[in-house]
Amino acid sequence: MPRPRPSGGNSIPDAVPDGTRIGAQLKAARLAARKTMAEVAEQSGLTKGFVSKLERDLANVSVASLIRLCEALDISVGSLFEASVGEVVRRGARPPINFGGSQVKEYLLTPSGEKRVQAILSDIEPGGGSGDEPYSLPADVEFVFVLAGQLQITVAGEQITLEQGDAFTFPASTQHTFRVAPPAGHAQVLWVFSPALPDTGPDVQQPANRPPRQGTG
């Protein structure tokens, strides 16, 4: 009877050979999914101690247990045995997202499954921005870098003007707004959040005229 295949179409080995090191890949996948060892252990039917040993390459795992573990991490088994240097998001393949605001087009730059960090590119027309009333985001840190043009950002009531090449870092949970003044022309801005905003849509404190930021991975 053939073994089932996980998503992604990668074949599953008949056994995980002794000495095959997959601990680093497992740990990286768990951290990317922002899950604790206890959560992964519960979802895969393993013990926390055994998951810990696997991440340190101190134990061997059966194929059946490895399948359950990969399902808990939402990865394919085959990916554990492939060298990976990262994931590319090409310029022409940036997924557009609806992050709220007016006269703003935005694109997700980081892979949709990446939970540790999230980068968004904003093209903002003159007069565009987040709206007049402040909002906050469920992340620890928010970083903004002006690639072109000029951006006015107001954080906790204090307005800061950022010119091309300027960067600003602040707590994402702080109430803030942003806009591009009409005389300044078009602006292009890079936003980075850590950790990434939740898949189900951020718990944003904001008014009705700025819809919840959605589709952010």
C-alpha atoms as a PDB file:
ATOM      1  CA  MET A   1       0.000   0.000   0.000  1.00  0.00           C
ATOM      2  CA  PRO A   2       1.557   3.334  -0.998  1.00  0.00           C
ATOM      3  CA  ARG A   3       2.295   5.845   1.687  1.00  0.00           C
ATOM      4  CA  PRO A   4       0.322   9.103   1.653  1.00  0.00           C
ATOM      5  CA  ARG A   5       2.047  12.183   0.329  1.00  0.00           C
ATOM      6  CA  PRO A   6       1.949  15.536   2.096  1.00  0.00           C
ATOM      7  CA  SER A   7       1.081  18.767   0.329  1.00  0.00           C
ATOM      8  CA  GLY A   8       3.685  19.936  -2.149  1.00  0.00           C
ATOM      9  CA  GLY A   9       4.054  16.597  -3.930  1.00  0.00           C
ATOM     10  CA  ASN A  10       7.373  15.638  -2.328  1.00  0.00           C
ATOM     11  CA  SER A  11       7.826  11.904  -1.870  1.00  0.00           C
ATOM     12  CA  ILE A  12       8.327  10.450   1.587  1.00  0.00           C
ATOM     13  CA  PRO A  13      11.330   8.235   2.258  1.00  0.00           C
ATOM     14  CA  ASP A  14      10.689   4.662   3.388  1.00  0.00           C
ATOM     15  CA  ALA A  15      12.534   5.497   6.577  1.00  0.00           C
ATOM     16  CA  VAL A  16      14.494   8.336   8.049  1.00  0.00           C
ATOM     17  CA  PRO A  17      18.091   7.080   7.989  1.00  0.00           C
ATOM     18  CA  ASP A  18      20.068   7.104  11.192  1.00  0.00           C
ATOM     19  CA  GLY A  19      22.372  10.105  11.212  1.00  0.00           C
ATOM     20  CA  THR A  20      20.217  12.171   8.843  1.00  0.00           C
ATOM     21  CA  ARG A  21      20.208  15.642  10.347  1.00  0.00           C
ATOM     22  CA  ILE A  22      16.828  17.363  10.104  1.00  0.00           C
ATOM     23  CA  GLY A  23      16.792  19.106  13.492  1.00  0.00           C
ATOM     24  CA  ALA A  24      17.760  22.534  12.209  1.00  0.00           C
ATOM     25  CA  GLN A  25      15.080  22.394   9.495  1.00  0.00           C
ATOM     26  CA  LEU A  26      12.424  21.334  12.005  1.00  0.00           C
ATOM     27  CA  LYS A  27      13.327  24.106  14.415  1.00  0.00           C
ATOM     28  CA  ALA A  28      13.373  26.719  11.635  1.00  0.00           C
ATOM     29  CA  ALA A  29       9.932  25.580  10.451  1.00  0.00           C
ATOM     30  CA  ARG A  30       8.563  25.730  13.995  1.00  0.00           C
ATOM     31  CA  LEU A  31       9.926  29.224  14.591  1.00  0.00           C
ATOM     32  CA  ALA A  32       8.598  30.391  11.216  1.00  0.00           C
ATOM     33  CA  ALA A  33       5.164  29.099  12.224  1.00  0.00           C
ATOM     34  CA  ARG A  34       5.506  30.855  15.605  1.00  0.00           C
ATOM     35  CA  LYS A  35       4.661  27.680  17.492  1.00  0.00           C
ATOM     36  CA  THR A  36       6.071  26.424  20.761  1.00  0.00           C
ATOM     37  CA  MET A  37       7.481  22.941  21.211  1.00  0.00           C
ATOM     38  CA  ALA A  38       4.486  22.115  23.394  1.00  0.00           C
ATOM     39  CA  GLU A  39       2.044  23.159  20.655  1.00  0.00           C
ATOM     40  CA  VAL A  40       3.842  21.128  17.996  1.00  0.00           C
ATOM     41  CA  ALA A  41       4.079  18.122  20.301  1.00  0.00           C
ATOM     42  CA  GLU A  42       0.356  18.218  21.082  1.00  0.00           C
ATOM     43  CA  GLN A  43      -0.661  18.624  17.441  1.00  0.00           C
ATOM     44  CA  SER A  44       1.599  15.793  16.273  1.00  0.00           C
ATOM     45  CA  GLY A  45       0.878  13.376  19.117  1.00  0.00           C
ATOM     46  CA  LEU A  46       4.465  13.444  20.347  1.00  0.00           C
ATOM     47  CA  THR A  47       6.005  14.528  23.614  1.00  0.00           C
ATOM     48  CA  LYS A  48       7.662  17.904  24.080  1.00  0.00           C
ATOM     49  CA  GLY A  49      10.854  16.168  25.160  1.00  0.00           C
ATOM     50  CA  PHE A  50      10.937  14.070  22.004  1.00  0.00           C
ATOM     51  CA  VAL A  51      10.402  17.130  19.784  1.00  0.00           C
ATOM     52  CA  SER A  52      13.244  18.835  21.633  1.00  0.00           C
ATOM     53  CA  LYS A  53      15.542  15.862  20.957  1.00  0.00           C
ATOM     54  CA  LEU A  54      14.566  15.850  17.279  1.00  0.00           C
ATOM     55  CA  GLU A  55      15.447  19.526  16.927  1.00  0.00           C
ATOM     56  CA  ARG A  56      18.867  18.765  18.401  1.00  0.00           C
ATOM     57  CA  ASP A  57      19.349  15.638  16.237  1.00  0.00           C
ATOM     58  CA  LEU A  58      19.475  13.465  19.361  1.00  0.00           C
ATOM     59  CA  ALA A  59      16.715  11.060  18.328  1.00  0.00           C
ATOM     60  CA  ASN A  60      15.457   9.160  15.303  1.00  0.00           C
ATOM     61  CA  VAL A  61      11.848   9.406  14.197  1.00  0.00           C
ATOM     62  CA  SER A  62       9.516   6.991  12.434  1.00  0.00           C
ATOM     63  CA  VAL A  63       8.044   8.012   9.094  1.00  0.00           C
ATOM     64  CA  ALA A  64       4.522   8.024  10.559  1.00  0.00           C
ATOM     65  CA  SER A  65       5.587  10.394  13.351  1.00  0.00           C
ATOM     66  CA  LEU A  66       7.490  12.575  10.888  1.00  0.00           C
ATOM     67  CA  ILE A  67       4.383  12.912   8.708  1.00  0.00           C
ATOM     68  CA  ARG A  68       2.324  14.050  11.713  1.00  0.00           C
ATOM     69  CA  LEU A  69       5.085  16.456  12.737  1.00  0.00           C
ATOM     70  CA  CYS A  70       5.250  18.018   9.281  1.00  0.00           C
ATOM     71  CA  GLU A  71       1.458  18.340   9.170  1.00  0.00           C
ATOM     72  CA  ALA A  72       1.613  20.229  12.476  1.00  0.00           C
ATOM     73  CA  LEU A  73       4.231  22.540  10.960  1.00  0.00           C
ATOM     74  CA  ASP A  74       2.389  22.822   7.622  1.00  0.00           C
ATOM     75  CA  ILE A  75       5.434  21.746   5.610  1.00  0.00           C
ATOM     76  CA  SER A  76       6.155  18.835   3.285  1.00  0.00           C
ATOM     77  CA  VAL A  77       8.336  15.989   4.454  1.00  0.00           C
ATOM     78  CA  GLY A  78      10.502  16.343   1.366  1.00  0.00           C
ATOM     79  CA  SER A  79      11.400  19.906   2.283  1.00  0.00           C
ATOM     80  CA  LEU A  80      13.348  18.619   5.290  1.00  0.00           C
ATOM     81  CA  PHE A  81      15.818  16.884   2.991  1.00  0.00           C
ATOM     82  CA  GLU A  82      16.325  19.773   0.572  1.00  0.00           C
ATOM     83  CA  ALA A  83      18.848  22.529   1.058  1.00  0.00           C
ATOM     84  CA  SER A  84      17.096  25.893   1.048  1.00  0.00           C
ATOM     85  CA  VAL A  85      18.645  29.344   0.879  1.00  0.00           C
ATOM     86  CA  GLY A  86      15.347  31.190   1.185  1.00  0.00           C
ATOM     87  CA  GLU A  87      12.270  32.095  -0.832  1.00  0.00           C
ATOM     88  CA  VAL A  88      12.218  34.675  -3.610  1.00  0.00           C
ATOM     89  CA  VAL A  89       9.295  37.009  -4.277  1.00  0.00           C
ATOM     90  CA  ARG A  90       9.826  38.366  -7.788  1.00  0.00           C
ATOM     91  CA  ARG A  91       8.967  41.942  -8.674  1.00  0.00           C
ATOM     92  CA  GLY A  92       6.251  40.889 -11.106  1.00  0.00           C
ATOM     93  CA  ALA A  93       4.773  38.362  -8.674  1.00  0.00           C
ATOM     94  CA  ARG A  94       4.268  40.541  -5.616  1.00  0.00           C
ATOM     95  CA  PRO A  95       0.775  39.761  -4.283  1.00  0.00           C
ATOM     96  CA  PRO A  96      -1.330  42.926  -3.968  1.00  0.00           C
ATOM     97  CA  ILE A  97      -3.006  43.310  -0.577  1.00  0.00           C
ATOM     98  CA  ASN A  98      -5.741  45.456   0.898  1.00  0.00           C
ATOM     99  CA  PHE A  99      -4.218  47.083   3.931  1.00  0.00           C
ATOM    100  CA  GLY A 100      -6.731  49.903   4.217  1.00  0.00           C
ATOM    101  CA  GLY A 101      -6.339  53.621   3.678  1.00  0.00           C
ATOM    102  CA  SER A 102      -7.034  55.728   0.596  1.00  0.00           C
ATOM    103  CA  GLN A 103      -5.044  56.260  -2.609  1.00  0.00           C
ATOM    104  CA  VAL A 104      -2.638  53.536  -1.515  1.00  0.00           C
ATOM    105  CA  LYS A 105      -1.553  50.417  -3.411  1.00  0.00           C
ATOM    106  CA  GLU A 106       0.298  47.844  -1.370  1.00  0.00           C
ATOM    107  CA  TYR A 107       2.155  44.598  -2.012  1.00  0.00           C
ATOM    108  CA  LEU A 108       3.386  41.789   0.225  1.00  0.00           C
ATOM    109  CA  LEU A 109       7.153  41.265  -0.132  1.00  0.00           C
ATOM    110  CA  THR A 110       7.701  38.407   2.319  1.00  0.00           C
ATOM    111  CA  PRO A 111       6.410  34.831   1.809  1.00  0.00           C
ATOM    112  CA  SER A 112       2.840  34.414   3.035  1.00  0.00           C
ATOM    113  CA  GLY A 113       3.866  31.668   5.467  1.00  0.00           C
ATOM    114  CA  GLU A 114       6.600  33.712   7.151  1.00  0.00           C
ATOM    115  CA  LYS A 115       5.521  34.559  10.707  1.00  0.00           C
ATOM    116  CA  ARG A 116       8.662  36.113  12.166  1.00  0.00           C
ATOM    117  CA  VAL A 117       8.751  39.227  10.016  1.00  0.00           C
ATOM    118  CA  GLN A 118       6.590  40.864   7.345  1.00  0.00           C
ATOM    119  CA  ALA A 119       7.501  43.451   4.720  1.00  0.00           C
ATOM    120  CA  ILE A 120       4.989  45.511   2.725  1.00  0.00           C
ATOM    121  CA  LEU A 121       5.629  47.947  -0.118  1.00  0.00           C
ATOM    122  CA  SER A 122       3.297  50.951  -0.382  1.00  0.00           C
ATOM    123  CA  ASP A 123       2.782  53.204  -3.397  1.00  0.00           C
ATOM    124  CA  ILE A 124       1.000  56.299  -2.060  1.00  0.00           C
ATOM    125  CA  GLU A 125      -0.524  58.972  -4.254  1.00  0.00           C
ATOM    126  CA  PRO A 126      -0.411  62.675  -3.249  1.00  0.00           C
ATOM    127  CA  GLY A 127      -3.001  63.225  -0.526  1.00  0.00           C
ATOM    128  CA  GLY A 128      -3.229  59.500   0.219  1.00  0.00           C
ATOM    129  CA  GLY A 129      -2.627  57.779   3.529  1.00  0.00           C
ATOM    130  CA  SER A 130      -4.156  55.884   6.412  1.00  0.00           C
ATOM    131  CA  GLY A 131      -6.933  58.350   7.263  1.00  0.00           C
ATOM    132  CA  ASP A 132      -7.328  61.017   9.923  1.00  0.00           C
ATOM    133  CA  GLU A 133      -7.890  58.827  12.983  1.00  0.00           C
ATOM    134  CA  PRO A 134      -5.053  56.808  14.514  1.00  0.00           C
ATOM    135  CA  TYR A 135      -4.769  53.021  14.545  1.00  0.00           C
ATOM    136  CA  SER A 136      -2.447  50.439  16.078  1.00  0.00           C
ATOM    137  CA  LEU A 137      -1.212  47.015  14.980  1.00  0.00           C
ATOM    138  CA  PRO A 138      -0.670  43.699  16.830  1.00  0.00           C
ATOM    139  CA  ALA A 139       3.105  43.525  16.342  1.00  0.00           C
ATOM    140  CA  ASP A 140       6.070  44.390  18.548  1.00  0.00           C
ATOM    141  CA  VAL A 141       7.983  46.629  16.164  1.00  0.00           C
ATOM    142  CA  GLU A 142       7.102  48.661  13.076  1.00  0.00           C
ATOM    143  CA  PHE A 143       9.817  49.958  10.744  1.00  0.00           C
ATOM    144  CA  VAL A 144       9.272  52.416   7.891  1.00  0.00           C
ATOM    145  CA  PHE A 145      11.749  53.379   5.163  1.00  0.00           C
ATOM    146  CA  VAL A 146      10.979  55.999   2.513  1.00  0.00           C
ATOM    147  CA  LEU A 147      12.189  54.754  -0.870  1.00  0.00           C
ATOM    148  CA  ALA A 148      10.913  57.771  -2.817  1.00  0.00           C
ATOM    149  CA  GLY A 149       9.086  60.995  -2.053  1.00  0.00           C
ATOM    150  CA  GLN A 150       8.109  62.255   1.376  1.00  0.00           C
ATOM    151  CA  LEU A 151       5.976  60.735   4.141  1.00  0.00           C
ATOM    152  CA  GLN A 152       4.340  62.399   7.128  1.00  0.00           C
ATOM    153  CA  ILE A 153       3.808  59.983  10.009  1.00  0.00           C
ATOM    154  CA  THR A 154       2.164  60.914  13.297  1.00  0.00           C
ATOM    155  CA  VAL A 155       2.929  58.687  16.303  1.00  0.00           C
ATOM    156  CA  ALA A 156       1.307  59.333  19.678  1.00  0.00           C
ATOM    157  CA  GLY A 157       0.339  62.801  18.508  1.00  0.00           C
ATOM    158  CA  GLU A 158       3.811  63.778  17.290  1.00  0.00           C
ATOM    159  CA  GLN A 159       4.227  64.410  13.558  1.00  0.00           C
ATOM    160  CA  ILE A 160       7.472  63.392  11.880  1.00  0.00           C
ATOM    161  CA  THR A 161       8.350  64.149   8.261  1.00  0.00           C
ATOM    162  CA  LEU A 162      10.473  61.529   6.540  1.00  0.00           C
ATOM    163  CA  GLU A 163      12.328  62.338   3.331  1.00  0.00           C
ATOM    164  CA  GLN A 164      13.671  59.877   0.754  1.00  0.00           C
ATOM    165  CA  GLY A 165      16.246  57.644   2.440  1.00  0.00           C
ATOM    166  CA  ASP A 166      14.936  58.323   5.968  1.00  0.00           C
ATOM    167  CA  ALA A 167      13.951  55.457   8.294  1.00  0.00           C
ATOM    168  CA  PHE A 168      11.887  55.350  11.461  1.00  0.00           C
ATOM    169  CA  THR A 169      11.297  52.566  14.012  1.00  0.00           C
ATOM    170  CA  PHE A 170       8.569  52.597  16.691  1.00  0.00           C
ATOM    171  CA  PRO A 171       6.240  50.290  18.668  1.00  0.00           C
ATOM    172  CA  ALA A 172       3.477  49.077  16.331  1.00  0.00           C
ATOM    173  CA  SER A 173       0.983  49.145  19.208  1.00  0.00           C
ATOM    174  CA  THR A 174       1.314  52.940  19.460  1.00  0.00           C
ATOM    175  CA  GLN A 175      -1.533  54.907  17.883  1.00  0.00           C
ATOM    176  CA  HIS A 176      -0.358  56.365  14.572  1.00  0.00           C
ATOM    177  CA  THR A 177      -1.341  57.648  11.131  1.00  0.00           C
ATOM    178  CA  PHE A 178       0.486  58.437   7.907  1.00  0.00           C
ATOM    179  CA  ARG A 179      -0.112  60.567   4.841  1.00  0.00           C
ATOM    180  CA  VAL A 180       1.583  62.041   1.801  1.00  0.00           C
ATOM    181  CA  ALA A 181       1.026  65.789   1.529  1.00  0.00           C
ATOM    182  CA  PRO A 182      -0.293  66.768  -1.937  1.00  0.00           C
ATOM    183  CA  PRO A 183       2.630  69.096  -2.761  1.00  0.00           C
ATOM    184  CA  ALA A 184       5.120  66.304  -2.030  1.00  0.00           C
ATOM    185  CA  GLY A 185       4.062  64.121  -4.960  1.00  0.00           C
ATOM    186  CA  HIS A 186       4.021  60.304  -5.136  1.00  0.00           C
ATOM    187  CA  ALA A 187       5.767  58.316  -2.385  1.00  0.00           C
ATOM    188  CA  GLN A 188       6.995  54.757  -2.180  1.00  0.00           C
ATOM    189  CA  VAL A 189       7.427  53.336   1.310  1.00  0.00           C
ATOM    190  CA  LEU A 190       8.695  50.071   2.782  1.00  0.00           C
ATOM    191  CA  TRP A 191       6.997  48.868   5.991  1.00  0.00           C
ATOM    192  CA  VAL A 192       8.406  46.028   8.099  1.00  0.00           C
ATOM    193  CA  PHE A 193       6.574  44.400  11.036  1.00  0.00           C
ATOM    194  CA  SER A 194       7.918  41.972  13.600  1.00  0.00           C
ATOM    195  CA  PRO A 195       6.407  39.546  14.208  1.00  0.00           C
ATOM    196  CA  ALA A 196       4.215  39.282  11.118  1.00  0.00           C
ATOM    197  CA  LEU A 197       0.594  40.379  11.418  1.00  0.00           C
ATOM    198  CA  PRO A 198      -1.882  37.531  12.078  1.00  0.00           C
ATOM    199  CA  ASP A 199      -3.215  35.497   9.154  1.00  0.00           C
ATOM    200  CA  THR A 200      -6.813  36.091  10.187  1.00  0.00           C
ATOM    201  CA  GLY A 201      -6.437  39.859   9.958  1.00  0.00           C
ATOM    202  CA  PRO A 202      -4.899  42.078  12.600  1.00  0.00           C
ATOM    203  CA  ASP A 203      -6.766  43.190  15.651  1.00  0.00           C
ATOM    204  CA  VAL A 204      -6.481  46.807  14.584  1.00  0.00           C
ATOM    205  CA  GLN A 205      -7.825  49.680  16.653  1.00  0.00           C
ATOM    206  CA  GLN A 206      -9.094  52.016  13.978  1.00  0.00           C
ATOM    207  CA  PRO A 207     -12.189  53.853  12.719  1.00  0.00           C
ATOM    208  CA  ALA A 208     -14.689  52.638  10.135  1.00  0.00           C
ATOM    209  CA  ASN A 209     -13.158  54.838   7.410  1.00  0.00           C
ATOM    210  CA  ARG A 210     -10.020  52.710   7.517  1.00  0.00           C
ATOM    211  CA  PRO A 211     -11.056  49.080   7.018  1.00  0.00           C
ATOM    212  CA  PRO A 212      -9.099  46.337   8.791  1.00  0.00           C
ATOM    213  CA  ARG A 213      -5.861  45.497   7.064  1.00  0.00           C
ATOM    214  CA  GLN A 214      -6.429  42.126   5.476  1.00  0.00           C
ATOM    215  CA  GLY A 215      -4.744  39.622   3.232  1.00  0.00           C
ATOM    216  CA  THR A 216      -1.417  40.168   4.928  1.00  0.00           C
ATOM    217  CA  GLY A 217      -0.302  36.605   4.960  1.00  0.00           C
END
